[in-house]
C-alpha atoms as a PDB file:
ATOM      1  CA  MET A   1      94.410  79.310  87.404  1.00  0.00           C
ATOM      2  CA  THR A   2      90.747  80.010  88.013  1.00  0.00           C
ATOM      3  CA  MET A   3      90.073  83.363  89.677  1.00  0.00           C
ATOM      4  CA  LEU A   4      87.534  83.359  92.576  1.00  0.00           C
ATOM      5  CA  THR A   5      85.003  86.149  92.681  1.00  0.00           C
ATOM      6  CA  PRO A   6      84.686  88.061  95.999  1.00  0.00           C
ATOM      7  CA  LEU A   7      81.209  86.559  96.545  1.00  0.00           C
ATOM      8  CA  ARG A   8      82.449  82.989  96.039  1.00  0.00           C
ATOM      9  CA  THR A   9      85.438  83.629  98.311  1.00  0.00           C
ATOM     10  CA  LEU A  10      83.106  84.843 101.061  1.00  0.00           C
ATOM     11  CA  ALA A  11      80.926  81.730 100.682  1.00  0.00           C
ATOM     12  CA  LEU A  12      83.936  79.417 101.021  1.00  0.00           C
ATOM     13  CA  LEU A  13      85.120  81.317 104.105  1.00  0.00           C
ATOM     14  CA  CYS A  14      81.706  80.978 105.756  1.00  0.00           C
ATOM     15  CA  SER A  15      81.666  77.251 105.017  1.00  0.00           C
ATOM     16  CA  ALA A  16      85.078  76.851 106.629  1.00  0.00           C
ATOM     17  CA  LEU A  17      83.974  78.747 109.718  1.00  0.00           C
ATOM     18  CA  ALA A  18      80.879  76.553 109.999  1.00  0.00           C
ATOM     19  CA  VAL A  19      83.023  73.404 109.963  1.00  0.00           C
ATOM     20  CA  VAL A  20      85.350  74.821 112.613  1.00  0.00           C
ATOM     21  CA  ALA A  21      82.338  75.615 114.794  1.00  0.00           C
ATOM     22  CA  CYS A  22      81.337  71.962 114.524  1.00  0.00           C
ATOM     23  CA  ASP A  23      84.693  70.623 115.830  1.00  0.00           C
ATOM     24  CA  GLY A  24      86.269  69.772 112.502  1.00  0.00           C
ATOM     25  CA  ASP A  25      84.204  66.665 111.727  1.00  0.00           C
ATOM     26  CA  GLY A  26      81.015  68.502 110.838  1.00  0.00           C
ATOM     27  CA  VAL A  27      79.212  67.233 113.944  1.00  0.00           C
ATOM     28  CA  GLN A  28      78.242  69.731 116.623  1.00  0.00           C
ATOM     29  CA  ASP A  29      79.486  68.784 120.104  1.00  0.00           C
ATOM     30  CA  ILE A  30      76.485  68.776 122.473  1.00  0.00           C
ATOM     31  CA  THR A  31      77.919  66.414 125.087  1.00  0.00           C
ATOM     32  CA  GLY A  32      79.382  69.061 127.379  1.00  0.00           C
ATOM     33  CA  THR A  33      77.781  70.053 130.681  1.00  0.00           C
ATOM     34  CA  ARG A  34      75.100  72.691 130.150  1.00  0.00           C
ATOM     35  CA  PRO A  35      75.643  75.810 132.259  1.00  0.00           C
ATOM     36  CA  GLU A  36      71.934  76.193 133.012  1.00  0.00           C
ATOM     37  CA  SER A  37      69.980  74.656 135.855  1.00  0.00           C
ATOM     38  CA  ARG A  38      67.155  72.291 134.891  1.00  0.00           C
ATOM     39  CA  VAL A  39      63.766  72.255 136.643  1.00  0.00           C
ATOM     40  CA  ARG A  40      60.655  70.154 136.077  1.00  0.00           C
ATOM     41  CA  PHE A  41      57.187  70.866 137.499  1.00  0.00           C
ATOM     42  CA  PHE A  42      54.389  68.560 138.712  1.00  0.00           C
ATOM     43  CA  ASN A  43      50.790  69.386 139.659  1.00  0.00           C
ATOM     44  CA  PHE A  44      50.116  66.583 142.169  1.00  0.00           C
ATOM     45  CA  GLY A  45      47.840  68.588 144.488  1.00  0.00           C
ATOM     46  CA  VAL A  46      44.680  66.495 144.987  1.00  0.00           C
ATOM     47  CA  ASN A  47      41.620  68.446 143.713  1.00  0.00           C
ATOM     48  CA  ALA A  48      43.890  71.311 142.602  1.00  0.00           C
ATOM     49  CA  PRO A  49      42.774  73.470 139.668  1.00  0.00           C
ATOM     50  CA  ALA A  50      44.769  73.741 136.458  1.00  0.00           C
ATOM     51  CA  ILE A  51      47.879  75.831 137.058  1.00  0.00           C
ATOM     52  CA  HIS A  52      51.056  77.111 135.500  1.00  0.00           C
ATOM     53  CA  PHE A  53      54.361  77.529 137.260  1.00  0.00           C
ATOM     54  CA  TYR A  54      56.313  80.739 137.709  1.00  0.00           C
ATOM     55  CA  ALA A  55      59.885  81.434 138.781  1.00  0.00           C
ATOM     56  CA  GLY A  56      59.460  84.770 140.495  1.00  0.00           C
ATOM     57  CA  ASP A  57      57.366  86.747 138.002  1.00  0.00           C
ATOM     58  CA  ASP A  58      58.472  84.717 134.975  1.00  0.00           C
ATOM     59  CA  LYS A  59      56.211  81.992 133.622  1.00  0.00           C
ATOM     60  CA  VAL A  60      58.209  78.796 133.079  1.00  0.00           C
ATOM     61  CA  THR A  61      55.567  76.300 131.887  1.00  0.00           C
ATOM     62  CA  ALA A  62      53.037  76.564 129.080  1.00  0.00           C
ATOM     63  CA  THR A  63      50.294  74.760 127.185  1.00  0.00           C
ATOM     64  CA  THR A  64      49.334  75.080 123.531  1.00  0.00           C
ATOM     65  CA  SER A  65      46.770  77.720 122.610  1.00  0.00           C
ATOM     66  CA  ALA A  66      44.950  77.786 119.281  1.00  0.00           C
ATOM     67  CA  THR A  67      43.587  81.304 119.810  1.00  0.00           C
ATOM     68  CA  GLY A  68      46.819  83.284 120.033  1.00  0.00           C
ATOM     69  CA  THR A  69      46.116  84.225 123.644  1.00  0.00           C
ATOM     70  CA  GLU A  70      47.211  82.556 126.859  1.00  0.00           C
ATOM     71  CA  SER A  71      45.469  79.244 127.475  1.00  0.00           C
ATOM     72  CA  THR A  72      43.216  79.082 130.538  1.00  0.00           C
ATOM     73  CA  GLY A  73      43.684  75.305 130.677  1.00  0.00           C
ATOM     74  CA  GLY A  74      47.017  75.006 132.436  1.00  0.00           C
ATOM     75  CA  ILE A  75      48.515  71.841 133.925  1.00  0.00           C
ATOM     76  CA  THR A  76      45.746  69.716 135.381  1.00  0.00           C
ATOM     77  CA  TYR A  77      46.055  67.395 138.384  1.00  0.00           C
ATOM     78  CA  GLY A  78      48.483  64.577 137.687  1.00  0.00           C
ATOM     79  CA  GLY A  79      50.198  66.529 134.915  1.00  0.00           C
ATOM     80  CA  VAL A  80      53.805  67.540 134.326  1.00  0.00           C
ATOM     81  CA  GLY A  81      54.777  71.008 133.135  1.00  0.00           C
ATOM     82  CA  SER A  82      55.391  71.428 129.384  1.00  0.00           C
ATOM     83  CA  GLY A  83      54.687  67.726 128.845  1.00  0.00           C
ATOM     84  CA  GLY A  84      57.635  66.489 130.893  1.00  0.00           C
ATOM     85  CA  PRO A  85      60.885  68.132 129.717  1.00  0.00           C
ATOM     86  CA  TYR A  86      62.977  70.280 132.035  1.00  0.00           C
ATOM     87  CA  SER A  87      62.841  74.061 131.885  1.00  0.00           C
ATOM     88  CA  LEU A  88      66.264  75.740 131.717  1.00  0.00           C
ATOM     89  CA  LEU A  89      66.953  78.501 134.247  1.00  0.00           C
ATOM     90  CA  ASP A  90      69.986  80.458 135.327  1.00  0.00           C
ATOM     91  CA  PRO A  91      71.501  79.232 138.615  1.00  0.00           C
ATOM     92  CA  GLY A  92      70.408  81.077 141.748  1.00  0.00           C
ATOM     93  CA  GLN A  93      67.667  81.265 144.347  1.00  0.00           C
ATOM     94  CA  TYR A  94      64.056  81.241 143.184  1.00  0.00           C
ATOM     95  CA  THR A  95      60.566  81.302 144.582  1.00  0.00           C
ATOM     96  CA  PHE A  96      58.428  78.989 142.452  1.00  0.00           C
ATOM     97  CA  THR A  97      54.644  79.365 142.508  1.00  0.00           C
ATOM     98  CA  GLY A  98      51.837  77.370 140.967  1.00  0.00           C
ATOM     99  CA  ARG A  99      49.171  79.857 139.820  1.00  0.00           C
ATOM    100  CA  ILE A 100      45.556  79.301 138.798  1.00  0.00           C
ATOM    101  CA  MET A 101      44.964  79.718 135.053  1.00  0.00           C
ATOM    102  CA  ALA A 102      41.142  79.721 134.968  1.00  0.00           C
ATOM    103  CA  THR A 103      39.329  83.034 134.478  1.00  0.00           C
ATOM    104  CA  THR A 104      38.043  82.859 138.050  1.00  0.00           C
ATOM    105  CA  ASP A 105      40.925  83.477 140.496  1.00  0.00           C
ATOM    106  CA  LYS A 106      43.344  83.755 137.565  1.00  0.00           C
ATOM    107  CA  GLY A 107      46.907  84.306 138.760  1.00  0.00           C
ATOM    108  CA  THR A 108      46.236  83.268 142.359  1.00  0.00           C
ATOM    109  CA  PRO A 109      49.216  81.260 143.702  1.00  0.00           C
ATOM    110  CA  ILE A 110      48.123  78.001 145.344  1.00  0.00           C
ATOM    111  CA  ALA A 111      51.597  76.912 146.464  1.00  0.00           C
ATOM    112  CA  SER A 112      54.999  78.517 146.902  1.00  0.00           C
ATOM    113  CA  VAL A 113      58.379  76.739 146.969  1.00  0.00           C
ATOM    114  CA  THR A 114      61.798  78.319 147.469  1.00  0.00           C
ATOM    115  CA  GLY A 115      64.866  76.628 146.040  1.00  0.00           C
ATOM    116  CA  ASP A 116      68.525  77.397 145.385  1.00  0.00           C
ATOM    117  CA  LEU A 117      69.527  76.067 141.952  1.00  0.00           C
ATOM    118  CA  ALA A 118      73.150  75.055 141.419  1.00  0.00           C
ATOM    119  CA  ARG A 119      74.833  75.443 138.034  1.00  0.00           C
ATOM    120  CA  GLY A 120      74.306  72.268 136.037  1.00  0.00           C
ATOM    121  CA  GLY A 121      71.886  70.844 138.635  1.00  0.00           C
ATOM    122  CA  ALA A 122      68.509  69.238 137.960  1.00  0.00           C
ATOM    123  CA  TYR A 123      65.436  69.584 140.196  1.00  0.00           C
ATOM    124  CA  SER A 124      61.759  68.651 140.445  1.00  0.00           C
ATOM    125  CA  VAL A 125      59.140  71.007 141.913  1.00  0.00           C
ATOM    126  CA  TYR A 126      55.862  69.505 143.144  1.00  0.00           C
ATOM    127  CA  VAL A 127      52.514  70.989 144.082  1.00  0.00           C
ATOM    128  CA  SER A 128      51.258  68.284 146.454  1.00  0.00           C
ATOM    129  CA  GLY A 129      48.950  67.390 149.331  1.00  0.00           C
ATOM    130  CA  PHE A 130      45.302  68.489 149.244  1.00  0.00           C
ATOM    131  CA  TYR A 131      44.023  71.676 147.632  1.00  0.00           C
ATOM    132  CA  ASN A 132      41.801  73.710 149.951  1.00  0.00           C
ATOM    133  CA  SER A 133      39.154  75.434 147.818  1.00  0.00           C
ATOM    134  CA  THR A 134      38.413  77.974 150.588  1.00  0.00           C
ATOM    135  CA  THR A 135      41.950  79.160 151.251  1.00  0.00           C
ATOM    136  CA  LYS A 136      43.043  78.292 147.708  1.00  0.00           C
ATOM    137  CA  GLN A 137      46.194  76.682 149.049  1.00  0.00           C
ATOM    138  CA  ALA A 138      48.044  73.374 148.642  1.00  0.00           C
ATOM    139  CA  ASP A 139      51.473  72.089 149.670  1.00  0.00           C
ATOM    140  CA  GLY A 140      54.645  72.231 147.641  1.00  0.00           C
ATOM    141  CA  PHE A 141      58.245  71.053 147.738  1.00  0.00           C
ATOM    142  CA  ILE A 142      61.410  70.750 145.659  1.00  0.00           C
ATOM    143  CA  VAL A 143      63.857  67.835 145.426  1.00  0.00           C
ATOM    144  CA  PRO A 144      67.197  67.527 143.614  1.00  0.00           C
ATOM    145  CA  ASP A 145      67.342  65.071 140.734  1.00  0.00           C
ATOM    146  CA  ASP A 146      70.783  63.675 141.542  1.00  0.00           C
ATOM    147  CA  PHE A 147      71.000  61.038 138.837  1.00  0.00           C
ATOM    148  CA  PRO A 148      74.519  60.037 137.734  1.00  0.00           C
ATOM    149  CA  GLU A 149      76.142  61.976 134.918  1.00  0.00           C
ATOM    150  CA  GLU A 150      78.342  58.979 134.031  1.00  0.00           C
ATOM    151  CA  PHE A 151      76.035  56.230 132.767  1.00  0.00           C
ATOM    152  CA  ASP A 152      76.175  52.469 132.757  1.00  0.00           C
ATOM    153  CA  PHE A 153      73.934  51.818 129.752  1.00  0.00           C
ATOM    154  CA  SER A 154      73.419  48.202 130.784  1.00  0.00           C
ATOM    155  CA  VAL A 155      71.130  49.301 133.650  1.00  0.00           C
ATOM    156  CA  ALA A 156      68.244  51.676 134.325  1.00  0.00           C
ATOM    157  CA  TYR A 157      68.222  54.138 137.227  1.00  0.00           C
ATOM    158  CA  VAL A 158      65.075  54.440 139.369  1.00  0.00           C
ATOM    159  CA  ARG A 159      64.119  56.477 142.449  1.00  0.00           C
ATOM    160  CA  PHE A 160      60.976  57.073 144.519  1.00  0.00           C
ATOM    161  CA  VAL A 161      59.352  60.394 145.540  1.00  0.00           C
ATOM    162  CA  ASN A 162      56.506  60.538 148.076  1.00  0.00           C
ATOM    163  CA  ALA A 163      53.991  63.304 147.269  1.00  0.00           C
ATOM    164  CA  ILE A 164      51.056  61.899 149.322  1.00  0.00           C
ATOM    165  CA  SER A 165      50.470  64.040 152.406  1.00  0.00           C
ATOM    166  CA  ASN A 166      48.284  61.529 154.273  1.00  0.00           C
ATOM    167  CA  ALA A 167      50.614  58.561 153.757  1.00  0.00           C
ATOM    168  CA  GLN A 168      53.261  57.284 156.129  1.00  0.00           C
ATOM    169  CA  PRO A 169      56.834  56.806 154.862  1.00  0.00           C
ATOM    170  CA  MET A 170      56.790  54.124 152.168  1.00  0.00           C
ATOM    171  CA  GLN A 171      59.406  51.957 150.477  1.00  0.00           C
ATOM    172  CA  LEU A 172      59.193  51.171 146.766  1.00  0.00           C
ATOM    173  CA  THR A 173      59.907  47.642 145.578  1.00  0.00           C
ATOM    174  CA  ILE A 174      59.925  46.368 141.996  1.00  0.00           C
ATOM    175  CA  THR A 175      59.275  42.786 140.907  1.00  0.00           C
ATOM    176  CA  ASP A 176      60.451  41.522 137.529  1.00  0.00           C
ATOM    177  CA  ALA A 177      57.255  40.591 135.684  1.00  0.00           C
ATOM    178  CA  THR A 178      58.941  37.587 134.035  1.00  0.00           C
ATOM    179  CA  ALA A 179      61.615  36.347 136.452  1.00  0.00           C
ATOM    180  CA  GLY A 180      59.659  37.163 139.603  1.00  0.00           C
ATOM    181  CA  THR A 181      62.700  38.597 141.413  1.00  0.00           C
ATOM    182  CA  THR A 182      61.979  41.521 143.767  1.00  0.00           C
ATOM    183  CA  LEU A 183      64.308  44.470 144.348  1.00  0.00           C
ATOM    184  CA  PRO A 184      63.999  47.314 146.883  1.00  0.00           C
ATOM    185  CA  VAL A 185      64.439  50.817 145.456  1.00  0.00           C
ATOM    186  CA  GLY A 186      66.182  52.600 148.320  1.00  0.00           C
ATOM    187  CA  ASP A 187      64.773  52.975 151.822  1.00  0.00           C
ATOM    188  CA  ALA A 188      61.403  54.224 153.100  1.00  0.00           C
ATOM    189  CA  VAL A 189      60.633  57.762 151.871  1.00  0.00           C
ATOM    190  CA  ALA A 190      58.600  60.292 153.872  1.00  0.00           C
ATOM    191  CA  TYR A 191      56.208  62.867 152.435  1.00  0.00           C
ATOM    192  CA  LYS A 192      57.973  65.661 150.513  1.00  0.00           C
ATOM    193  CA  ALA A 193      61.159  63.595 150.182  1.00  0.00           C
ATOM    194  CA  ALA A 194      62.981  61.659 147.473  1.00  0.00           C
ATOM    195  CA  GLY A 195      65.014  58.476 147.654  1.00  0.00           C
ATOM    196  CA  ALA A 196      68.325  57.879 145.908  1.00  0.00           C
ATOM    197  CA  PHE A 197      68.562  56.646 142.333  1.00  0.00           C
ATOM    198  CA  VAL A 198      69.164  52.893 142.248  1.00  0.00           C
ATOM    199  CA  ALA A 199      70.549  50.890 139.308  1.00  0.00           C
ATOM    200  CA  VAL A 200      68.243  48.035 138.213  1.00  0.00           C
ATOM    201  CA  PRO A 201      68.362  45.568 135.285  1.00  0.00           C
ATOM    202  CA  PRO A 202      66.272  46.682 132.289  1.00  0.00           C
ATOM    203  CA  SER A 203      62.975  44.788 132.246  1.00  0.00           C
ATOM    204  CA  SER A 204      59.233  45.074 132.768  1.00  0.00           C
ATOM    205  CA  TYR A 205      58.340  45.389 136.458  1.00  0.00           C
ATOM    206  CA  ASN A 206      55.388  45.350 138.816  1.00  0.00           C
ATOM    207  CA  LEU A 207      55.691  48.229 141.300  1.00  0.00           C
ATOM    208  CA  ALA A 208      54.531  48.346 144.915  1.00  0.00           C
ATOM    209  CA  THR A 209      54.959  50.583 147.950  1.00  0.00           C
ATOM    210  CA  ARG A 210      54.626  49.361 151.518  1.00  0.00           C
ATOM    211  CA  TYR A 211      54.770  50.856 155.020  1.00  0.00           C
ATOM    212  CA  ALA A 212      57.482  49.637 157.393  1.00  0.00           C
ATOM    213  CA  GLY A 213      56.346  46.430 159.101  1.00  0.00           C
ATOM    214  CA  ALA A 214      53.216  46.088 156.929  1.00  0.00           C
ATOM    215  CA  THR A 215      52.261  42.762 155.350  1.00  0.00           C
ATOM    216  CA  SER A 216      50.275  44.229 152.448  1.00  0.00           C
ATOM    217  CA  ASP A 217      51.032  46.789 149.764  1.00  0.00           C
ATOM    218  CA  ALA A 218      49.809  50.385 149.989  1.00  0.00           C
ATOM    219  CA  ILE A 219      49.949  51.141 146.232  1.00  0.00           C
ATOM    220  CA  VAL A 220      50.572  48.876 143.244  1.00  0.00           C
ATOM    221  CA  ARG A 221      51.120  49.359 139.526  1.00  0.00           C
ATOM    222  CA  THR A 222      51.858  46.601 137.015  1.00  0.00           C
ATOM    223  CA  ASN A 223      53.907  46.232 133.845  1.00  0.00           C
ATOM    224  CA  VAL A 224      56.143  49.299 133.922  1.00  0.00           C
ATOM    225  CA  GLY A 225      59.102  49.072 131.553  1.00  0.00           C
ATOM    226  CA  PHE A 226      62.577  50.363 132.421  1.00  0.00           C
ATOM    227  CA  LEU A 227      65.094  50.668 129.571  1.00  0.00           C
ATOM    228  CA  GLY A 228      68.866  50.545 129.902  1.00  0.00           C
ATOM    229  CA  GLY A 229      70.581  53.922 130.007  1.00  0.00           C
ATOM    230  CA  ARG A 230      67.392  55.710 131.095  1.00  0.00           C
ATOM    231  CA  VAL A 231      66.568  57.441 134.403  1.00  0.00           C
ATOM    232  CA  TYR A 232      63.097  57.226 135.977  1.00  0.00           C
ATOM    233  CA  THR A 233      61.269  58.850 138.889  1.00  0.00           C
ATOM    234  CA  ILE A 234      58.349  56.956 140.434  1.00  0.00           C
ATOM    235  CA  SER A 235      56.194  59.458 142.339  1.00  0.00           C
ATOM    236  CA  ALA A 236      53.327  58.544 144.671  1.00  0.00           C
ATOM    237  CA  ARG A 237      50.358  60.935 144.432  1.00  0.00           C
ATOM    238  CA  GLY A 238      46.694  60.972 145.458  1.00  0.00           C
ATOM    239  CA  ASP A 239      44.683  60.232 148.607  1.00  0.00           C
ATOM    240  CA  ILE A 240      45.947  57.118 150.394  1.00  0.00           C
ATOM    241  CA  THR A 241      42.495  56.467 151.922  1.00  0.00           C
ATOM    242  CA  ILE A 242      40.787  55.952 148.536  1.00  0.00           C
ATOM    243  CA  THR A 243      40.199  52.276 147.677  1.00  0.00           C
ATOM    244  CA  SER A 244      38.600  52.765 144.252  1.00  0.00           C
ATOM    245  CA  THR A 245      40.750  51.580 141.355  1.00  0.00           C
ATOM    246  CA  THR A 246      39.343  54.187 138.974  1.00  0.00           C
ATOM    247  CA  ALA A 247      38.900  57.390 141.034  1.00  0.00           C
ATOM    248  CA  THR A 248      41.001  60.321 139.814  1.00  0.00           C
ATOM    249  CA  ASN A 249      42.336  60.985 143.327  1.00  0.00           C
ATOM    250  CA  ARG A 250      43.173  57.340 144.131  1.00  0.00           C
ATOM    251  CA  PRO A 251      46.737  56.610 145.271  1.00  0.00           C
ATOM    252  CA  PHE A 252      48.817  56.204 142.130  1.00  0.00           C
ATOM    253  CA  LEU A 253      52.442  55.587 141.146  1.00  0.00           C
ATOM    254  CA  ASP A 254      53.439  58.011 138.407  1.00  0.00           C
ATOM    255  CA  ASN A 255      56.369  57.105 136.147  1.00  0.00           C
ATOM    256  CA  THR A 256      58.288  59.995 134.584  1.00  0.00           C
ATOM    257  CA  VAL A 257      61.528  59.784 132.579  1.00  0.00           C
ATOM    258  CA  ASN A 258      64.302  62.076 133.849  1.00  0.00           C
ATOM    259  CA  ARG A 259      66.704  61.236 131.056  1.00  0.00           C
END
């Protein structure tokens, strides 16, 4: 019989413990519900400076810096914090602020949003409306991201958020770019509100929002793809009075993947 040295015995024991930690089949189980709350951050304040978001005094978004010091760039208008993924926070009540990152007025909060995060919940925080360069203030709001935890992978899930302060309540419709069939995505949504997630067939769609009773579209966007098993938020941002098709602050339908 071959005798095992103490060092070899310890190595075998560690290997066995590693397998046990991975549920016996060597594959780590990551499908369980995460205990943290998930929050995502949008800078949709028209004319707003680059900002970062804070939960209380803790910074919860970041941008890459090549100098080793904090970047003064921040999240520019139309951007999503940390490139889109959710930040993980402990459940509880928070005051979220978007703060200026430039050297001038650095740290000044331009919007403040209070929210109560439930364990396992997902949320989106928006800086919205119009930034006032004199008062250094914009609007802000938070909405729950109540997408289903149990998925039907044969469909995509889509909802609409209205972040345009000078727009009336709008309803989002999607038209299949190939079949030509049109589907409503929930009901009309007022400013600072979110519609429900709606299951739609995977395809490429042309998007449009329209006021109640109107005969023409308020905002359009073409050729947006929705994949099965994915969750999407379509957010309206910008100035609804702008008619230019290239202006930065034109009304625009942003498409962001929730999951």
